[in-house]
Protein backbone atom coordinates (compact mmCIF):
# COMPACT_ATOMS: atom_id res chain seq x y z
CA MET A 1 -37.95 160.26 65.45
CA ALA A 2 -38.15 156.99 63.61
CA ASP A 3 -36.15 156.88 60.17
CA GLU A 4 -37.95 156.91 56.95
CA TYR A 5 -37.71 153.12 56.63
CA SER A 6 -39.63 152.37 59.82
CA THR A 7 -42.17 155.06 59.15
CA GLU A 8 -45.49 154.21 57.38
CA LYS A 9 -46.01 156.27 54.21
CA VAL A 10 -49.15 157.49 52.62
CA ASP A 11 -50.06 160.12 49.90
CA LEU A 12 -52.72 161.79 51.88
CA LEU A 13 -53.62 161.62 55.56
CA ILE A 14 -56.86 163.20 56.62
CA VAL A 15 -57.45 163.91 60.35
CA GLY A 16 -61.14 163.73 61.32
CA ALA A 17 -63.87 161.19 60.09
CA GLY A 18 -66.69 163.72 60.45
CA PRO A 19 -68.68 165.01 57.25
CA HIS A 20 -65.73 167.16 56.05
CA GLY A 21 -63.24 164.52 56.43
CA LEU A 22 -65.34 161.82 54.74
CA SER A 23 -66.04 164.15 51.80
CA VAL A 24 -62.34 164.96 51.17
CA ALA A 25 -61.55 161.29 51.41
CA SER A 26 -64.38 160.28 48.85
CA THR A 27 -63.26 162.84 46.33
CA TYR A 28 -59.69 162.02 46.75
CA HIS A 29 -60.36 158.30 46.31
CA THR A 30 -62.39 158.92 43.25
CA LEU A 31 -59.76 161.10 41.63
CA HIS A 32 -56.68 158.89 42.68
CA PRO A 33 -58.08 155.45 43.18
CA THR A 34 -54.70 153.74 43.42
CA SER A 35 -53.15 156.28 45.78
CA PRO A 36 -52.76 155.18 49.40
CA PHE A 37 -54.52 157.27 52.05
CA LEU A 38 -55.66 157.14 55.63
CA ILE A 39 -58.32 158.62 57.74
CA LEU A 40 -57.42 158.98 61.50
CA ASP A 41 -59.97 159.99 64.22
CA SER A 42 -59.75 159.99 68.03
CA ALA A 43 -63.34 158.98 68.33
CA LEU A 44 -64.56 155.26 68.57
CA SER A 45 -66.74 155.73 65.59
CA LEU A 46 -66.88 157.82 62.49
CA GLY A 47 -69.25 160.93 62.26
CA GLY A 48 -67.55 163.75 64.25
CA VAL A 49 -70.12 165.47 66.20
CA TRP A 50 -72.49 162.73 65.05
CA ALA A 51 -70.18 159.91 66.35
CA SER A 52 -72.19 157.15 68.24
CA GLU A 53 -70.63 157.78 71.50
CA ARG A 54 -71.84 161.53 71.42
CA LEU A 55 -75.46 160.77 70.56
CA TYR A 56 -78.35 160.70 72.89
CA LYS A 57 -82.22 160.40 72.71
CA ASP A 58 -83.23 163.94 72.00
CA LEU A 59 -80.31 165.02 69.69
CA TYR A 60 -81.56 166.28 66.30
CA THR A 61 -80.10 168.27 63.65
CA ASN A 62 -81.17 171.85 62.79
CA ASN A 63 -81.77 170.43 59.09
CA ARG A 64 -84.95 168.64 57.93
CA LEU A 65 -84.96 165.58 55.69
CA GLY A 66 -83.51 166.17 52.31
CA THR A 67 -81.10 169.19 53.63
CA TYR A 68 -78.46 167.21 55.42
CA GLU A 69 -76.92 164.80 52.77
CA PHE A 70 -74.10 164.94 50.18
CA PRO A 71 -75.09 165.84 46.71
CA ASP A 72 -73.66 162.47 45.50
CA PHE A 73 -75.27 160.31 48.07
CA GLU A 74 -79.08 160.63 48.97
CA MET A 75 -80.13 159.90 52.48
CA ASP A 76 -82.69 157.01 52.21
CA ALA A 77 -84.82 157.82 55.17
CA LYS A 78 -86.93 154.78 54.84
CA LYS A 79 -83.92 152.42 54.87
CA LEU A 80 -82.46 154.29 57.77
CA GLY A 81 -85.65 154.10 59.82
CA MET A 82 -86.72 157.75 59.70
CA GLU A 83 -90.45 158.54 59.39
CA GLY A 84 -91.86 161.88 58.14
CA THR A 85 -89.86 164.81 56.79
CA GLY A 86 -89.07 166.70 60.04
CA HIS A 87 -85.68 167.33 61.67
CA ILE A 88 -83.20 164.42 61.45
CA PRO A 89 -82.34 162.59 64.65
CA GLY A 90 -78.55 162.33 65.44
CA SER A 91 -78.75 158.68 65.19
CA ILE A 92 -79.93 158.71 61.58
CA VAL A 93 -77.11 161.15 60.67
CA HIS A 94 -74.56 158.73 62.19
CA ASP A 95 -76.09 155.84 60.19
CA TYR A 96 -76.16 157.87 56.97
CA LEU A 97 -72.46 158.79 57.31
CA GLN A 98 -71.65 155.09 58.07
CA ALA A 99 -73.65 154.07 54.83
CA TYR A 100 -71.69 156.87 52.93
CA ALA A 101 -68.25 155.57 54.00
CA GLU A 102 -69.12 152.13 53.15
CA LYS A 103 -70.60 152.94 49.91
CA LYS A 104 -67.48 155.12 48.92
CA ASP A 105 -65.06 152.36 50.13
CA LEU A 106 -63.72 154.44 52.88
CA VAL A 107 -64.00 152.19 55.91
CA ARG A 108 -60.98 150.23 55.00
CA PHE A 109 -58.80 153.27 55.04
CA MET A 110 -59.98 154.37 58.47
CA ARG A 111 -58.37 154.10 61.93
CA LEU A 112 -60.61 155.00 64.82
CA ASP A 113 -59.57 155.61 68.47
CA THR A 114 -56.24 157.11 67.15
CA LYS A 115 -55.36 160.50 68.33
CA VAL A 116 -52.82 162.72 66.38
CA MET A 117 -50.47 164.26 68.76
CA SER A 118 -48.25 166.30 66.45
CA ILE A 119 -47.49 167.23 62.85
CA GLU A 120 -44.07 168.29 61.65
CA SER A 121 -43.38 169.93 58.30
CA ILE A 122 -40.72 168.53 56.04
CA GLY A 123 -41.22 171.08 53.45
CA ASP A 124 -42.39 169.93 49.84
CA GLU A 125 -42.03 166.35 51.08
CA GLY A 126 -44.92 166.63 53.30
CA TRP A 127 -45.51 166.08 56.97
CA ILE A 128 -44.25 163.62 59.87
CA VAL A 129 -47.35 162.82 61.85
CA VAL A 130 -47.16 161.38 65.37
CA PHE A 131 -50.21 159.56 66.76
CA PHE A 132 -51.34 157.56 69.74
CA CYS A 133 -53.28 154.38 69.41
CA GLN A 134 -54.01 151.50 71.85
CA GLY A 135 -51.50 152.68 74.38
CA GLU A 136 -48.54 153.13 71.82
CA HIS A 137 -47.21 156.06 69.65
CA GLY A 138 -46.80 155.51 66.05
CA ILE A 139 -45.48 157.70 63.14
CA LEU A 140 -46.83 158.31 59.72
CA ARG A 141 -45.16 160.10 56.68
CA ALA A 142 -47.77 161.91 54.48
CA LYS A 143 -47.24 163.85 51.34
CA LYS A 144 -50.41 165.79 51.82
CA LEU A 145 -52.27 166.42 55.02
CA VAL A 146 -55.91 167.59 55.67
CA LEU A 147 -57.11 168.65 59.21
CA ALA A 148 -60.74 168.18 59.25
CA THR A 149 -61.08 168.06 63.00
CA GLY A 150 -63.93 170.69 62.87
CA LEU A 151 -64.84 173.36 65.60
CA THR A 152 -66.29 170.94 68.26
CA SER A 153 -63.35 168.76 69.15
CA THR A 154 -61.98 170.03 72.44
CA PRO A 155 -64.57 171.33 75.06
CA ARG A 156 -63.85 174.57 76.74
CA ILE A 157 -63.95 173.89 80.48
CA PRO A 158 -63.90 176.99 82.83
CA LEU A 159 -62.57 176.73 86.29
CA PHE A 160 -64.71 178.03 89.16
CA LYS A 161 -63.63 178.97 92.62
CA GLY A 162 -64.24 176.14 94.99
CA GLN A 163 -64.53 173.42 92.25
CA GLU A 164 -62.29 171.02 93.98
CA GLU A 165 -64.80 170.72 96.94
CA PHE A 166 -67.92 170.63 94.70
CA THR A 167 -69.24 167.04 95.02
CA PRO A 168 -71.93 166.83 92.19
CA PRO A 169 -70.70 165.62 88.72
CA ILE A 170 -69.63 168.39 86.18
CA LEU A 171 -70.33 167.64 82.56
CA HIS A 172 -69.79 169.51 79.24
CA THR A 173 -72.39 169.27 76.68
CA LYS A 174 -70.05 167.11 74.54
CA ASN A 175 -70.81 164.40 77.15
CA LEU A 176 -74.57 164.58 77.00
CA ALA A 177 -74.75 161.00 75.86
CA THR A 178 -73.89 160.06 79.52
CA LEU A 179 -77.45 161.21 80.39
CA THR A 180 -78.62 157.68 80.35
CA PRO A 181 -81.94 156.58 82.26
CA PRO A 182 -79.94 155.30 85.16
CA PHE A 183 -78.05 158.46 85.39
CA LEU A 184 -81.08 160.63 84.94
CA SER A 185 -82.95 158.60 87.74
CA LYS A 186 -80.44 160.18 90.25
CA LEU A 187 -81.21 163.74 89.46
CA ASN A 188 -83.66 166.30 90.69
CA ARG A 189 -82.18 169.56 90.19
CA VAL A 190 -79.47 170.60 87.64
CA VAL A 191 -77.77 173.76 86.58
CA VAL A 192 -76.92 174.23 82.95
CA TYR A 193 -74.49 176.99 82.42
CA GLY A 194 -75.01 178.73 79.04
CA ALA A 195 -78.08 179.18 76.89
CA ASN A 196 -76.88 178.38 73.51
CA LYS A 197 -78.55 175.62 71.51
CA SER A 198 -76.53 172.77 73.32
CA GLY A 199 -77.57 174.42 76.53
CA CYS A 200 -81.17 174.33 75.48
CA ASP A 201 -80.79 170.87 74.25
CA ALA A 202 -79.52 169.58 77.63
CA SER A 203 -82.22 171.59 79.49
CA TYR A 204 -84.90 169.93 77.28
CA THR A 205 -83.50 166.47 77.89
CA LEU A 206 -83.39 166.91 81.62
CA ALA A 207 -86.77 168.70 82.01
CA SER A 208 -88.71 166.37 79.87
CA ASN A 209 -87.56 163.75 82.25
CA GLY A 210 -88.96 165.50 85.14
CA ILE A 211 -85.85 167.05 86.46
CA HIS A 212 -85.89 170.73 87.41
CA VAL A 213 -83.33 172.90 85.55
CA HIS A 214 -81.85 176.22 86.43
CA LEU A 215 -80.69 177.47 82.95
CA LEU A 216 -78.02 180.22 83.34
CA VAL A 217 -77.84 182.86 80.51
CA ARG A 218 -74.27 184.22 81.06
CA GLU A 219 -74.09 187.94 81.61
CA ASN A 220 -70.68 188.06 79.92
CA GLY A 221 -71.74 185.81 77.02
CA GLY A 222 -73.48 186.44 73.74
CA GLY A 223 -76.92 185.93 75.04
CA PRO A 224 -79.61 183.03 74.46
CA ALA A 225 -79.79 181.41 71.17
CA TRP A 226 -82.59 182.01 68.77
CA MET A 227 -84.68 179.00 68.73
CA THR A 228 -87.29 179.05 66.06
CA PRO A 229 -90.16 176.79 65.07
CA ALA A 230 -90.00 175.05 61.59
CA LEU A 231 -92.28 177.61 60.12
CA LEU A 232 -91.92 181.31 60.59
CA SER A 233 -94.85 183.82 61.13
CA PRO A 234 -96.47 185.53 59.47
CA LEU A 235 -95.70 183.96 55.93
CA ARG A 236 -95.00 180.38 57.28
CA LEU A 237 -91.54 180.34 55.58
CA ARG A 238 -88.73 177.84 56.38
CA LEU A 239 -85.64 179.74 57.64
CA GLU A 240 -83.27 177.44 56.19
CA ASN A 241 -84.81 177.80 52.80
CA LEU A 242 -84.58 181.65 53.10
CA ALA A 243 -80.80 181.37 53.88
CA ALA A 244 -80.30 179.37 50.64
CA THR A 245 -82.20 181.54 48.29
CA ARG A 246 -80.23 183.94 46.15
CA LEU A 247 -82.93 186.77 46.50
CA PHE A 248 -82.45 186.86 50.33
CA SER A 249 -78.67 186.30 50.22
CA LEU A 250 -78.56 189.67 48.34
CA PHE A 251 -79.72 191.37 51.63
CA SER A 252 -76.56 190.10 53.37
CA PRO A 253 -73.32 192.16 52.61
CA THR A 254 -70.40 190.29 51.25
CA LEU A 255 -66.85 190.61 49.85
CA ASN A 256 -67.42 188.15 47.01
CA PRO A 257 -70.10 189.88 44.96
CA ASP A 258 -69.21 188.65 41.60
CA ASP A 259 -72.15 186.53 41.37
CA GLY A 260 -73.94 188.21 38.38
CA TYR A 261 -75.93 190.61 40.74
CA VAL A 262 -73.15 193.27 41.34
CA LEU A 263 -75.40 196.13 40.41
CA THR A 264 -78.18 194.82 42.66
CA ARG A 265 -75.77 194.37 45.60
CA ARG A 266 -74.39 197.89 45.10
CA PHE A 267 -77.74 199.39 45.16
CA LEU A 268 -78.67 197.60 48.43
CA HIS A 269 -75.65 198.15 50.34
CA HIS A 270 -74.15 201.59 48.90
CA THR A 271 -77.19 203.74 48.64
CA LEU A 272 -79.44 205.24 51.19
CA LEU A 273 -82.60 203.77 49.50
CA GLY A 274 -81.08 200.47 49.19
CA ARG A 275 -79.93 200.33 52.83
CA PHE A 276 -83.53 201.19 53.87
CA HIS A 277 -84.79 198.18 51.89
CA VAL A 278 -82.03 195.98 53.59
CA TRP A 279 -83.12 197.20 57.03
CA ILE A 280 -86.78 196.46 56.10
CA PHE A 281 -85.85 192.94 55.27
CA TRP A 282 -83.96 192.19 58.58
CA TRP A 283 -86.55 193.99 60.61
CA ILE A 284 -89.32 191.87 59.19
CA LEU A 285 -87.38 188.74 59.64
CA GLU A 286 -86.63 189.49 63.32
CA ILE A 287 -90.33 190.46 63.92
CA GLY A 288 -91.22 187.10 62.25
CA LEU A 289 -88.80 185.19 64.48
CA ARG A 290 -90.15 186.96 67.74
CA MET A 291 -93.83 186.39 66.79
CA SER A 292 -93.11 182.62 66.29
CA VAL A 293 -91.98 182.25 70.03
CA PRO A 294 -94.10 182.95 73.16
CA TYR A 295 -91.73 185.01 74.86
CA GLU A 296 -94.25 186.82 77.18
CA ILE A 297 -95.76 183.79 79.00
CA ASN A 298 -93.62 184.20 82.11
CA GLU A 299 -90.41 185.91 83.26
CA SER A 300 -88.10 183.00 82.42
CA MET A 301 -89.18 183.08 78.81
CA ARG A 302 -88.67 186.84 78.68
CA ARG A 303 -85.10 186.21 79.78
CA LEU A 304 -84.62 183.77 76.82
CA LYS A 305 -85.21 186.72 74.32
CA PRO A 306 -82.03 186.82 72.01
CA TRP A 307 -79.80 189.90 72.67
CA LYS A 308 -78.83 190.15 69.02
CA GLY A 309 -80.97 190.37 65.77
CA PRO A 310 -80.74 187.87 63.01
CA PHE A 311 -78.44 190.17 60.97
CA ASP A 312 -75.61 189.46 63.57
CA VAL A 313 -75.82 185.85 64.08
CA THR A 314 -75.34 182.60 62.06
CA THR A 315 -75.95 179.16 63.28
CA SER A 316 -77.19 180.73 66.64
CA LEU A 317 -80.46 180.87 64.48
CA ALA A 318 -81.36 177.34 65.81
CA PHE A 319 -84.49 175.54 65.28
CA HIS A 320 -86.97 174.03 67.83
CA THR A 321 -86.26 170.39 67.09
CA TYR A 322 -87.84 168.69 70.11
CA PRO A 323 -90.76 166.33 70.07
CA VAL A 324 -92.31 168.25 73.10
CA ASP A 325 -92.72 171.99 73.35
CA PHE A 326 -89.70 173.47 74.88
CA TRP A 327 -91.26 176.59 75.79
CA ARG A 328 -94.23 174.75 77.54
CA LEU A 329 -91.58 173.16 79.89
CA VAL A 330 -90.32 176.81 80.65
CA GLY A 331 -93.76 178.05 81.05
CA LYS A 332 -94.69 175.07 83.53
CA GLY A 333 -91.61 176.03 85.55
CA MET A 334 -89.59 172.93 84.80
CA ILE A 335 -86.96 175.26 83.38
CA THR A 336 -86.14 178.32 85.33
CA VAL A 337 -84.01 180.90 83.57
CA HIS A 338 -81.48 183.29 85.13
CA VAL A 339 -79.26 185.96 83.65
CA THR A 340 -76.16 185.83 85.80
CA GLU A 341 -72.80 184.17 86.30
CA ILE A 342 -71.41 181.50 88.57
CA GLY A 343 -69.74 183.24 91.45
CA HIS A 344 -68.29 180.03 93.03
CA LEU A 345 -69.03 176.52 93.87
CA GLU A 346 -69.37 175.07 97.46
CA GLY A 347 -70.36 171.64 98.62
CA ARG A 348 -73.46 170.77 96.41
CA SER A 349 -74.29 174.37 95.82
CA VAL A 350 -73.79 176.59 92.69
CA CYS A 351 -73.56 180.16 94.15
CA LEU A 352 -74.47 182.85 91.71
CA THR A 353 -73.03 186.37 91.65
CA GLY A 354 -76.25 187.89 92.80
CA GLY A 355 -76.09 185.94 96.02
CA GLN A 356 -78.50 183.11 95.25
CA ARG A 357 -77.47 179.53 96.13
CA LEU A 358 -78.89 176.69 94.08
CA GLU A 359 -78.56 173.05 95.55
CA VAL A 360 -77.97 170.72 92.70
CA ASP A 361 -77.28 167.15 91.65
CA ALA A 362 -75.17 168.06 88.58
CA LEU A 363 -73.62 171.06 86.83
CA ILE A 364 -73.75 170.94 82.98
CA LEU A 365 -71.54 173.35 81.02
CA SER A 366 -72.59 174.64 77.73
CA THR A 367 -69.42 176.78 77.32
CA GLY A 368 -68.35 176.11 73.69
CA TRP A 369 -65.14 174.80 72.35
CA GLU A 370 -61.55 175.66 72.44
CA SER A 371 -60.27 177.47 69.30
CA THR A 372 -56.79 176.50 69.67
CA PRO A 373 -56.07 173.12 67.99
CA SER A 374 -55.02 170.26 70.24
CA ILE A 375 -52.46 169.08 67.64
CA LYS A 376 -48.95 170.30 68.16
CA VAL A 377 -47.51 171.93 65.10
CA LEU A 378 -43.65 171.65 64.47
CA PRO A 379 -41.41 173.60 64.14
CA GLU A 380 -42.92 175.66 66.89
CA ASN A 381 -42.56 178.91 64.74
CA LEU A 382 -44.33 177.55 61.90
CA ASP A 383 -47.27 179.73 60.94
CA LEU A 384 -50.32 178.00 59.50
CA GLY A 385 -52.81 180.68 60.16
CA LEU A 386 -54.32 179.00 63.17
CA PRO A 387 -55.55 180.25 66.55
CA GLY A 388 -52.71 180.51 69.11
CA SER A 389 -49.79 180.86 66.72
CA LEU A 390 -47.74 184.04 66.70
CA MET A 391 -48.55 186.70 63.96
CA SER A 392 -45.80 188.08 61.82
CA ASP A 393 -45.03 191.79 61.78
CA THR A 394 -46.27 191.98 58.36
CA GLU A 395 -49.67 190.37 59.23
CA SER A 396 -50.09 192.61 62.20
CA LYS A 397 -49.47 195.70 60.00
CA ILE A 398 -51.94 194.36 57.39
CA TRP A 399 -54.57 193.96 60.34
CA SER A 400 -54.19 197.69 61.15
CA SER A 401 -55.40 198.66 57.82
CA VAL A 402 -57.87 196.27 56.27
CA GLU A 403 -60.45 197.13 58.88
CA GLY A 404 -60.79 200.71 57.68
CA MET A 405 -60.85 199.52 54.14
CA ILE A 406 -64.02 197.38 55.04
CA LEU A 407 -65.74 199.98 56.86
CA LYS A 408 -65.27 202.54 54.08
CA GLU A 409 -67.21 200.18 51.97
CA PHE A 410 -69.75 198.92 54.44
CA SER A 411 -69.91 201.78 57.06
CA PHE A 412 -73.03 200.27 58.67
CA LEU A 413 -70.90 197.36 59.99
CA GLU A 414 -69.12 199.97 62.39
CA LYS A 415 -72.28 200.74 64.42
CA PRO A 416 -72.46 198.96 67.72
CA ARG A 417 -75.01 196.33 67.30
CA THR A 418 -74.53 194.14 70.43
CA ASN A 419 -74.09 194.61 74.07
CA GLU A 420 -70.50 193.06 73.73
CA SER A 421 -67.62 194.54 71.93
CA SER A 422 -68.00 193.66 68.28
CA ARG A 423 -64.49 195.00 67.47
CA PHE A 424 -61.29 192.80 67.36
CA SER A 425 -58.57 194.72 68.95
CA SER A 426 -55.70 195.07 66.32
CA PRO A 427 -52.54 193.40 67.49
CA ALA A 428 -50.27 195.81 65.56
CA SER A 429 -49.22 197.52 68.83
CA LYS A 430 -48.12 194.33 70.29
CA ASP A 431 -44.94 192.45 69.92
CA LYS A 432 -45.51 189.21 68.17
CA ALA A 433 -49.26 188.83 69.25
CA GLN A 434 -50.90 185.68 69.41
CA ARG A 435 -53.60 185.07 66.66
CA PRO A 436 -56.90 184.35 68.36
CA PHE A 437 -58.65 183.25 65.00
CA TYR A 438 -58.42 181.35 61.97
CA ASN A 439 -56.82 183.15 59.09
CA LEU A 440 -56.81 180.91 55.99
CA THR A 441 -56.99 181.47 52.30
CA ARG A 442 -60.55 180.66 51.18
CA HIS A 443 -60.87 179.49 54.79
CA MET A 444 -58.93 176.39 53.99
CA ILE A 445 -55.24 176.97 53.34
CA PRO A 446 -52.49 178.92 55.22
CA PRO A 447 -51.64 182.09 53.26
CA GLN A 448 -48.02 182.13 54.52
CA TYR A 449 -47.03 178.64 54.21
CA PRO A 450 -45.09 178.10 50.87
CA HIS A 451 -45.76 174.47 50.29
CA LYS A 452 -48.99 172.99 48.88
CA THR A 453 -49.13 170.00 51.28
CA ILE A 454 -51.76 170.96 53.87
CA ALA A 455 -55.43 172.14 54.02
CA PHE A 456 -58.05 172.58 56.53
CA ALA A 457 -61.62 171.32 56.01
CA GLY A 458 -64.53 172.58 58.00
CA ALA A 459 -62.92 175.38 59.81
CA MET A 460 -66.21 177.26 59.59
CA GLN A 461 -69.58 177.68 61.22
CA THR A 462 -72.46 177.07 58.88
CA GLY A 463 -76.05 175.58 58.66
CA HIS A 464 -75.30 173.97 55.42
CA THR A 465 -72.58 171.37 56.24
CA PRO A 466 -72.93 168.90 53.44
CA ILE A 467 -73.04 171.24 50.63
CA LEU A 468 -69.82 173.12 51.71
CA ALA A 469 -68.13 169.87 52.75
CA TYR A 470 -68.79 168.57 49.36
CA ILE A 471 -67.42 171.66 47.34
CA GLN A 472 -64.45 172.10 49.79
CA GLY A 473 -63.43 168.45 49.46
CA LEU A 474 -63.13 168.94 45.60
CA TRP A 475 -61.39 172.22 46.04
CA ILE A 476 -58.92 170.84 48.34
CA CYS A 477 -58.14 167.89 46.13
CA ALA A 478 -57.87 170.25 43.07
CA TYR A 479 -55.45 172.45 45.02
CA PHE A 480 -53.28 169.52 45.88
CA ASP A 481 -53.24 168.52 42.14
CA ASP A 482 -52.25 172.13 41.35
CA GLU A 483 -55.49 172.68 39.32
CA ILE A 484 -56.68 175.78 41.18
CA SER A 485 -56.93 178.94 39.24
CA PHE A 486 -56.86 181.61 41.80
CA PRO A 487 -53.92 184.03 42.75
CA LYS A 488 -51.11 182.24 44.49
CA SER A 489 -48.54 183.22 46.88
CA PRO A 490 -45.20 184.49 45.69
CA ALA A 491 -43.62 181.30 46.77
CA HIS A 492 -46.02 179.55 44.22
CA GLN A 493 -45.84 181.90 41.47
CA SER A 494 -43.67 184.52 39.67
CA SER A 495 -42.82 187.76 41.18
CA SER A 496 -45.57 189.41 39.22
CA ILE A 497 -47.91 188.83 42.27
CA PRO A 498 -47.50 191.72 44.58
CA PRO A 499 -45.65 190.80 47.82
CA ASN A 500 -47.98 189.68 50.49
CA GLN A 501 -51.06 190.17 48.37
CA LEU A 502 -52.41 186.69 49.27
CA LEU A 503 -51.91 187.26 52.90
CA LYS A 504 -53.64 190.67 52.48
CA ASP A 505 -56.66 189.33 50.77
CA THR A 506 -56.97 186.43 53.20
CA THR A 507 -56.80 188.87 56.14
CA LEU A 508 -59.41 191.18 54.51
CA ALA A 509 -61.88 188.16 54.26
CA THR A 510 -61.13 187.15 57.79
CA THR A 511 -61.64 190.77 59.16
CA PHE A 512 -64.91 191.07 57.16
CA HIS A 513 -66.26 188.05 59.11
CA HIS A 514 -65.03 189.74 62.45
CA LEU A 515 -67.16 192.78 61.61
CA ARG A 516 -70.09 190.97 59.89
CA TYR A 517 -70.70 188.42 62.70
CA PRO A 518 -69.54 190.24 65.92
CA LYS A 519 -69.48 186.98 68.00
CA SER A 520 -68.74 183.73 65.99
CA GLY A 521 -66.80 185.75 63.24
CA LYS A 522 -64.20 186.57 65.85
CA VAL A 523 -62.69 183.19 65.78
CA TYR A 524 -63.65 181.53 62.67
CA PRO A 525 -65.76 182.22 59.52
CA SER A 526 -69.48 181.97 59.68
CA PHE A 527 -71.95 181.44 56.94
CA MET A 528 -75.78 181.49 57.07
CA PHE A 529 -77.07 183.89 54.22
CA ASP A 530 -73.64 184.00 52.83
CA ILE A 531 -73.48 180.38 51.74
CA LEU A 532 -74.20 180.85 48.00
CA PRO A 533 -71.68 183.68 47.53
CA TYR A 534 -69.00 181.36 49.03
CA ALA A 535 -69.96 178.39 47.05
CA ASP A 536 -69.89 180.54 43.98
CA LEU A 537 -66.43 181.75 44.84
CA LEU A 538 -65.03 178.14 45.19
CA LEU A 539 -66.76 177.03 42.01
CA ARG A 540 -65.14 180.01 40.03
CA ASP A 541 -61.68 178.89 41.43
CA LEU A 542 -62.29 175.51 39.99
CA GLY A 543 -63.53 176.89 36.69
CA LEU A 544 -66.96 175.11 37.17
CA GLU A 545 -70.20 176.74 36.25
CA GLU A 546 -71.72 178.56 39.20
CA LYS A 547 -75.09 179.49 37.42
CA ARG A 548 -76.43 176.04 37.63
CA ARG A 549 -80.07 176.96 37.13
CA TRP A 550 -82.04 179.25 34.77
CA TRP A 551 -82.50 182.96 36.05
CA PHE A 552 -85.95 182.68 37.81
CA ARG A 553 -84.98 179.63 39.84
CA ASP A 554 -81.52 180.92 40.50
CA VAL A 555 -83.09 184.03 42.20
CA PHE A 556 -86.36 183.04 43.70
CA MET A 557 -86.23 179.37 44.49
CA SER A 558 -83.97 177.87 47.43
CA TRP A 559 -81.00 176.18 46.49
CA SER A 560 -80.61 172.37 47.65
CA VAL A 561 -77.97 169.59 47.82
CA SER A 562 -79.36 168.42 44.35
CA ASP A 563 -78.23 171.51 42.66
CA PHE A 564 -74.69 170.54 43.28
CA GLU A 565 -75.03 167.05 42.06
CA GLY A 566 -72.52 166.00 39.50
CA LEU A 567 -69.78 168.47 40.51
CA LEU A 568 -67.15 165.76 40.71
CA GLU A 569 -68.12 164.41 37.17
CA GLU A 570 -67.90 167.96 35.77
CA TRP A 571 -64.53 168.43 37.30
CA SER A 572 -63.18 165.33 35.79
CA MET A 573 -64.66 166.21 32.40
CA LYS A 574 -63.05 169.60 32.45
CA LYS A 575 -59.69 168.05 33.34
CA LYS A 576 -59.83 165.83 30.20
CA VAL A 577 -60.74 168.71 28.07
CA ASP A 578 -57.99 170.88 29.52
């Protein structure tokens, strides 16, 4: 360990140069223009999932023009070279984030191609951070630390029997940028393992280039992703607008109902008549989604029918973002769909559990991402609420009780809704069980860490990244400045707060996401129709006005990024008044 005189010092270190990291940096730099800070990222360019080295020709966002931009920086489509108002190409998103970083004067504080290896707590004084850059290790000392590495940093790579002798290349969907024309010209048949949105993206890119794809829907997975057209039948509505409309968010249960519509929510989710209306809403939505896709044109399309209804999923409600009809490629036989598992690999063959052998030129894995952070945390027994760390006895006991509290209030969440287990098995019976999920207060800060020196940005799954990144960025900066008015841990406040109350409230919120979203909610919080209640909660913590529109528009009109414009200015004015 280098001594303090040879260690570079900053007031704030942000790990991750994606949308969340950039938003925190911009807010912090505005509030503290003379404070030294740095942004580190292991990629060669900024953008996170939209870094230039991860882009390929057919990569588009699930968001249309006007819905993937920060409230304080409009996406100038014409200037960036985008025509129309459709789904935004990945290259445009990258250029937008680059322009944002330049406009906010963040580029000079950025160090790319720099991988953080470990973080070590030094109490109230902050963190010692070890990083690796250009073949050498370095050390930083940061008073505050924000980890904004997101959920798509480290690919989950399964090991298959016979993989050592398998000669074709094996790629994860993170590396789809390698599918260049010279590489594609060498391929005739490819297996894509996993039918989530990334798997469908890979299948589309391959099939549209004349390559036959075997798309494997994993028997032990969560089933195919929903992939809907821009407009839903029969009312021709946009799904992303529905999810950001207060009226429709009322049909999604939440633990944060203090949004001015408590009686309406109580009627909908706690009475038989209300529950019937909720069921009708989700039934109509599912019927509209299924009517919008030609699932009956052949057997492969029938195998792409999602296994879970829209009530149970979040960003698995993906959109058809491709220039050419994906379903037509399936109908023409360019994409053959199987519901199976890979038994083993042999030579150039992918051998399925049903006995079928597929001769291929490449195997592409759409197998998701590791939930355990790749950054080592020191000391090793330090609990930051992250997956892979050991849970305390207190937390284990809390886990054994909060599920019952939730199911008492939302009994309908107890019913089996998928073909896979929707229950998280309580670790209370185990000795120091490893935590398989994020357990963070407000989904940002560790409830059992007594120092206000660390926060996590973007540790969630959502279809409204820029809005939440903007609000989370302000919340984190206010938290570091000791300006957040929400119940604090006993280490931060007087003994009037019941012991472990913050941990209990945090665990309650985390458990709710396990039950609400049986698949993605097991590891990290998920927000689709829940974005407005979560945004309201953070704005209340900040003491800012959450009712930003008059009643009719608040309830019946879709919220957009422009509705949150000026939050930072409001916050600055509030601080002057206070």
